[in-house]
């Protein structure tokens, strides 16, 4: 009984740790490229976090981390929706 309980806990945890190592191993390259492409699109100054994470297939936390790594910043969009933009296109001296 104890062994079953331990394996039920440790099995999924180890699997998730392995998946995280695999993602880090590949450095999220394709996802970062996709985020850059979306944020450099001249038709859109900002993009919602929801759209960015859906397109890249990431969680909110993963997406935010990748966005910061590529040089993006958070902004407030209409209806207080969380948005993101590249700092080079939406600098800090500009109001959020």
N, C-alpha and C. Protein backbone atom coordinates (compact mmCIF):
# COMPACT_ATOMS: atom_id res chain seq x y z
N UNK A 1 0.82 -1.19 0.00
CA UNK A 1 0.00 0.00 0.00
C UNK A 1 0.87 1.26 0.00
N UNK A 2 1.90 1.26 0.83
CA UNK A 2 2.79 2.41 0.88
C UNK A 2 3.53 2.58 -0.45
N UNK A 3 3.95 1.47 -1.02
CA UNK A 3 4.66 1.53 -2.30
C UNK A 3 3.76 2.11 -3.40
N UNK A 4 2.51 1.72 -3.40
CA UNK A 4 1.57 2.24 -4.40
C UNK A 4 1.35 3.73 -4.22
N UNK A 5 1.26 4.17 -2.98
CA UNK A 5 1.07 5.59 -2.71
C UNK A 5 2.29 6.40 -3.14
N UNK A 6 3.48 5.87 -2.83
CA UNK A 6 4.70 6.57 -3.21
C UNK A 6 4.86 6.64 -4.72
N UNK A 7 4.59 5.53 -5.40
CA UNK A 7 4.74 5.55 -6.86
C UNK A 7 3.69 6.44 -7.52
N UNK A 8 2.50 6.53 -6.92
CA UNK A 8 1.46 7.40 -7.46
C UNK A 8 1.87 8.86 -7.35
N UNK A 9 2.66 9.17 -6.32
CA UNK A 9 3.13 10.55 -6.15
C UNK A 9 4.40 10.81 -6.95
N UNK A 10 5.38 9.94 -6.81
CA UNK A 10 6.69 10.17 -7.43
C UNK A 10 6.70 9.95 -8.93
N UNK A 11 5.90 9.03 -9.43
CA UNK A 11 5.88 8.77 -10.87
C UNK A 11 5.55 10.00 -11.69
N UNK A 12 4.38 10.62 -11.45
CA UNK A 12 4.03 11.84 -12.21
C UNK A 12 5.00 12.99 -11.95
N UNK A 13 5.50 13.09 -10.73
CA UNK A 13 6.44 14.17 -10.42
C UNK A 13 7.74 14.01 -11.20
N UNK A 14 8.26 12.80 -11.24
CA UNK A 14 9.49 12.54 -11.99
C UNK A 14 9.28 12.80 -13.49
N UNK A 15 8.11 12.40 -13.98
CA UNK A 15 7.80 12.63 -15.39
C UNK A 15 7.79 14.13 -15.70
N UNK A 16 7.17 14.92 -14.83
CA UNK A 16 7.12 16.36 -15.04
C UNK A 16 8.52 16.98 -14.96
N UNK A 17 9.33 16.51 -14.04
CA UNK A 17 10.71 17.01 -13.95
C UNK A 17 11.48 16.67 -15.22
N UNK A 18 11.28 15.48 -15.75
CA UNK A 18 11.95 15.07 -16.99
C UNK A 18 11.50 15.97 -18.14
N UNK A 19 10.19 16.22 -18.23
CA UNK A 19 9.68 17.09 -19.30
C UNK A 19 10.27 18.49 -19.21
N UNK A 20 10.38 19.01 -17.99
CA UNK A 20 10.96 20.34 -17.81
C UNK A 20 12.42 20.36 -18.26
N UNK A 21 13.17 19.33 -17.92
CA UNK A 21 14.57 19.26 -18.36
C UNK A 21 14.66 19.20 -19.88
N UNK A 22 13.75 18.47 -20.51
CA UNK A 22 13.75 18.38 -21.96
C UNK A 22 13.45 19.73 -22.60
N UNK A 23 12.49 20.44 -22.02
CA UNK A 23 12.15 21.77 -22.55
C UNK A 23 13.34 22.71 -22.40
N UNK A 24 13.96 22.71 -21.23
CA UNK A 24 15.11 23.58 -21.01
C UNK A 24 16.28 23.18 -21.91
N UNK A 25 16.42 21.89 -22.14
CA UNK A 25 17.50 21.39 -22.99
C UNK A 25 17.38 21.96 -24.40
N UNK A 26 16.18 22.09 -24.88
CA UNK A 26 15.95 22.62 -26.22
C UNK A 26 15.83 24.15 -26.22
N UNK A 27 15.94 24.75 -25.03
CA UNK A 27 15.97 26.20 -24.86
C UNK A 27 14.77 26.92 -25.46
N UNK A 28 13.70 26.24 -25.63
CA UNK A 28 12.47 26.85 -26.13
C UNK A 28 12.68 27.60 -27.46
N UNK A 29 13.70 27.26 -28.21
CA UNK A 29 14.02 27.97 -29.44
C UNK A 29 12.84 28.25 -30.35
N UNK A 30 12.11 27.24 -30.77
CA UNK A 30 10.99 27.49 -31.69
C UNK A 30 9.90 28.39 -31.07
N UNK A 31 9.66 28.23 -29.80
CA UNK A 31 8.65 29.07 -29.14
C UNK A 31 9.10 30.51 -29.06
N UNK A 32 10.38 30.73 -28.76
CA UNK A 32 10.90 32.10 -28.73
C UNK A 32 10.81 32.74 -30.10
N UNK A 33 11.14 31.99 -31.14
CA UNK A 33 11.06 32.52 -32.51
C UNK A 33 9.62 32.89 -32.85
N UNK A 34 8.69 32.05 -32.45
CA UNK A 34 7.29 32.32 -32.73
C UNK A 34 6.81 33.56 -31.97
N UNK A 35 7.22 33.70 -30.72
CA UNK A 35 6.86 34.90 -29.96
C UNK A 35 7.42 36.15 -30.61
N UNK A 36 8.67 36.09 -31.04
CA UNK A 36 9.27 37.25 -31.73
C UNK A 36 8.52 37.59 -33.00
N UNK A 37 8.16 36.59 -33.75
CA UNK A 37 7.41 36.82 -34.99
C UNK A 37 6.07 37.50 -34.70
N UNK A 38 5.38 37.03 -33.68
CA UNK A 38 4.09 37.62 -33.31
C UNK A 38 4.24 39.06 -32.84
N UNK A 39 5.28 39.32 -32.03
CA UNK A 39 5.45 40.65 -31.47
C UNK A 39 6.07 41.65 -32.44
N UNK A 40 6.69 41.16 -33.51
CA UNK A 40 7.26 42.06 -34.52
C UNK A 40 6.30 42.35 -35.67
N UNK A 41 5.16 41.70 -35.67
CA UNK A 41 4.16 41.91 -36.72
C UNK A 41 3.74 43.39 -36.70
N UNK A 42 3.98 44.11 -37.79
CA UNK A 42 3.69 45.55 -37.80
C UNK A 42 2.20 45.89 -37.64
N UNK A 43 1.34 44.94 -37.84
CA UNK A 43 -0.10 45.20 -37.70
C UNK A 43 -0.54 45.33 -36.24
N UNK A 44 0.28 44.80 -35.32
CA UNK A 44 -0.09 44.79 -33.91
C UNK A 44 1.03 45.37 -33.05
N UNK A 45 0.70 46.37 -32.27
CA UNK A 45 1.69 46.96 -31.38
C UNK A 45 1.87 46.10 -30.12
N UNK A 46 0.78 45.54 -29.65
CA UNK A 46 0.80 44.65 -28.49
C UNK A 46 0.00 43.39 -28.80
N UNK A 47 0.25 42.37 -28.00
CA UNK A 47 -0.50 41.11 -28.12
C UNK A 47 -0.92 40.67 -26.73
N UNK A 48 -2.08 40.06 -26.64
CA UNK A 48 -2.54 39.60 -25.34
C UNK A 48 -1.77 38.35 -24.92
N UNK A 49 -1.57 38.21 -23.62
CA UNK A 49 -0.89 37.02 -23.11
C UNK A 49 -1.66 35.77 -23.52
N UNK A 50 -2.96 35.85 -23.49
CA UNK A 50 -3.78 34.69 -23.85
C UNK A 50 -3.48 34.23 -25.27
N UNK A 51 -3.42 35.16 -26.20
CA UNK A 51 -3.13 34.82 -27.60
C UNK A 51 -1.72 34.24 -27.73
N UNK A 52 -0.74 34.87 -27.07
CA UNK A 52 0.64 34.42 -27.16
C UNK A 52 0.81 33.01 -26.61
N UNK A 53 0.18 32.73 -25.48
CA UNK A 53 0.34 31.40 -24.89
C UNK A 53 -0.42 30.34 -25.67
N UNK A 54 -1.55 30.69 -26.23
CA UNK A 54 -2.29 29.72 -27.04
C UNK A 54 -1.52 29.35 -28.31
N UNK A 55 -0.95 30.34 -28.95
CA UNK A 55 -0.20 30.10 -30.19
C UNK A 55 1.06 29.27 -29.92
N UNK A 56 1.73 29.53 -28.78
CA UNK A 56 2.98 28.83 -28.48
C UNK A 56 2.78 27.54 -27.71
N UNK A 57 1.58 27.31 -27.21
CA UNK A 57 1.33 26.08 -26.46
C UNK A 57 2.01 26.05 -25.11
N UNK A 58 2.07 27.19 -24.43
CA UNK A 58 2.72 27.27 -23.14
C UNK A 58 1.72 27.66 -22.06
N UNK A 59 2.13 27.47 -20.81
CA UNK A 59 1.33 27.96 -19.70
C UNK A 59 1.58 29.45 -19.56
N UNK A 60 0.79 30.11 -18.75
CA UNK A 60 1.00 31.55 -18.53
C UNK A 60 2.39 31.83 -17.98
N UNK A 61 2.82 31.02 -17.01
CA UNK A 61 4.13 31.23 -16.40
C UNK A 61 5.27 31.01 -17.40
N UNK A 62 5.17 29.93 -18.18
CA UNK A 62 6.20 29.65 -19.20
C UNK A 62 6.26 30.77 -20.22
N UNK A 63 5.10 31.21 -20.66
CA UNK A 63 5.03 32.25 -21.68
C UNK A 63 5.64 33.55 -21.16
N UNK A 64 5.30 33.93 -19.93
CA UNK A 64 5.87 35.15 -19.36
C UNK A 64 7.40 35.06 -19.28
N UNK A 65 7.90 33.91 -18.87
CA UNK A 65 9.35 33.73 -18.76
C UNK A 65 10.02 33.88 -20.12
N UNK A 66 9.44 33.26 -21.14
CA UNK A 66 9.99 33.36 -22.49
C UNK A 66 9.93 34.79 -23.02
N UNK A 67 8.84 35.47 -22.73
CA UNK A 67 8.69 36.85 -23.18
C UNK A 67 9.77 37.75 -22.58
N UNK A 68 10.03 37.58 -21.30
CA UNK A 68 11.08 38.38 -20.66
C UNK A 68 12.43 38.05 -21.27
N UNK A 69 12.67 36.77 -21.56
CA UNK A 69 13.95 36.36 -22.14
C UNK A 69 14.18 36.95 -23.53
N UNK A 70 13.11 37.20 -24.28
CA UNK A 70 13.28 37.75 -25.63
C UNK A 70 13.24 39.28 -25.65
N UNK A 71 13.09 39.91 -24.48
CA UNK A 71 13.11 41.37 -24.43
C UNK A 71 11.76 42.01 -24.57
N UNK A 72 10.74 41.39 -24.00
CA UNK A 72 9.39 41.96 -24.04
C UNK A 72 9.02 42.48 -22.65
N UNK A 73 7.99 43.29 -22.62
CA UNK A 73 7.49 43.83 -21.35
C UNK A 73 5.98 43.73 -21.32
N UNK A 74 5.46 43.68 -20.11
CA UNK A 74 4.01 43.63 -19.95
C UNK A 74 3.39 45.00 -20.09
N UNK A 75 2.18 45.04 -20.63
CA UNK A 75 1.42 46.28 -20.78
C UNK A 75 -0.05 46.00 -20.46
N UNK A 76 -0.77 47.05 -20.14
CA UNK A 76 -2.21 46.91 -19.93
C UNK A 76 -2.92 47.20 -21.24
N UNK A 77 -3.81 46.32 -21.60
CA UNK A 77 -4.59 46.51 -22.82
C UNK A 77 -5.99 46.95 -22.43
N UNK A 78 -6.86 47.11 -23.39
CA UNK A 78 -8.23 47.49 -23.08
C UNK A 78 -8.86 46.44 -22.18
N UNK A 79 -9.80 46.85 -21.38
CA UNK A 79 -10.49 45.97 -20.44
C UNK A 79 -9.52 45.33 -19.44
N UNK A 80 -8.41 46.00 -19.14
CA UNK A 80 -7.41 45.53 -18.19
C UNK A 80 -6.86 44.14 -18.53
N UNK A 81 -6.85 43.82 -19.81
CA UNK A 81 -6.27 42.54 -20.25
C UNK A 81 -4.75 42.65 -20.25
N UNK A 82 -4.09 41.58 -19.84
CA UNK A 82 -2.63 41.55 -19.83
C UNK A 82 -2.10 41.43 -21.25
N UNK A 83 -1.26 42.36 -21.62
CA UNK A 83 -0.65 42.33 -22.94
C UNK A 83 0.85 42.40 -22.85
N UNK A 84 1.52 42.13 -23.98
CA UNK A 84 2.98 42.15 -24.05
C UNK A 84 3.41 42.80 -25.34
N UNK A 85 4.56 43.47 -25.27
CA UNK A 85 5.14 44.12 -26.44
C UNK A 85 6.66 44.07 -26.31
N UNK A 86 7.34 44.10 -27.43
CA UNK A 86 8.79 44.17 -27.39
C UNK A 86 9.22 45.55 -26.88
N UNK A 87 10.22 45.57 -26.02
CA UNK A 87 10.69 46.83 -25.44
C UNK A 87 11.19 47.76 -26.54
N UNK A 88 11.79 47.22 -27.59
CA UNK A 88 12.28 48.06 -28.69
C UNK A 88 11.15 48.78 -29.41
N UNK A 89 9.96 48.20 -29.39
CA UNK A 89 8.80 48.82 -30.05
C UNK A 89 7.93 49.60 -29.08
N UNK A 90 8.01 49.29 -27.79
CA UNK A 90 7.17 49.90 -26.77
C UNK A 90 8.07 50.17 -25.55
N UNK A 91 8.94 51.21 -25.63
CA UNK A 91 9.94 51.45 -24.57
C UNK A 91 9.32 51.81 -23.22
N UNK A 92 10.15 51.75 -22.19
CA UNK A 92 9.69 51.99 -20.83
C UNK A 92 9.28 53.44 -20.58
N UNK A 93 9.80 54.38 -21.35
CA UNK A 93 9.41 55.77 -21.14
C UNK A 93 8.01 56.07 -21.69
N UNK A 94 7.43 55.11 -22.31
CA UNK A 94 6.07 55.22 -22.83
C UNK A 94 5.11 54.67 -21.79
N UNK A 95 3.98 55.32 -21.55
CA UNK A 95 3.05 54.84 -20.54
C UNK A 95 2.50 53.45 -20.87
N UNK A 96 2.25 52.70 -19.82
CA UNK A 96 1.71 51.34 -20.00
C UNK A 96 0.26 51.41 -20.38
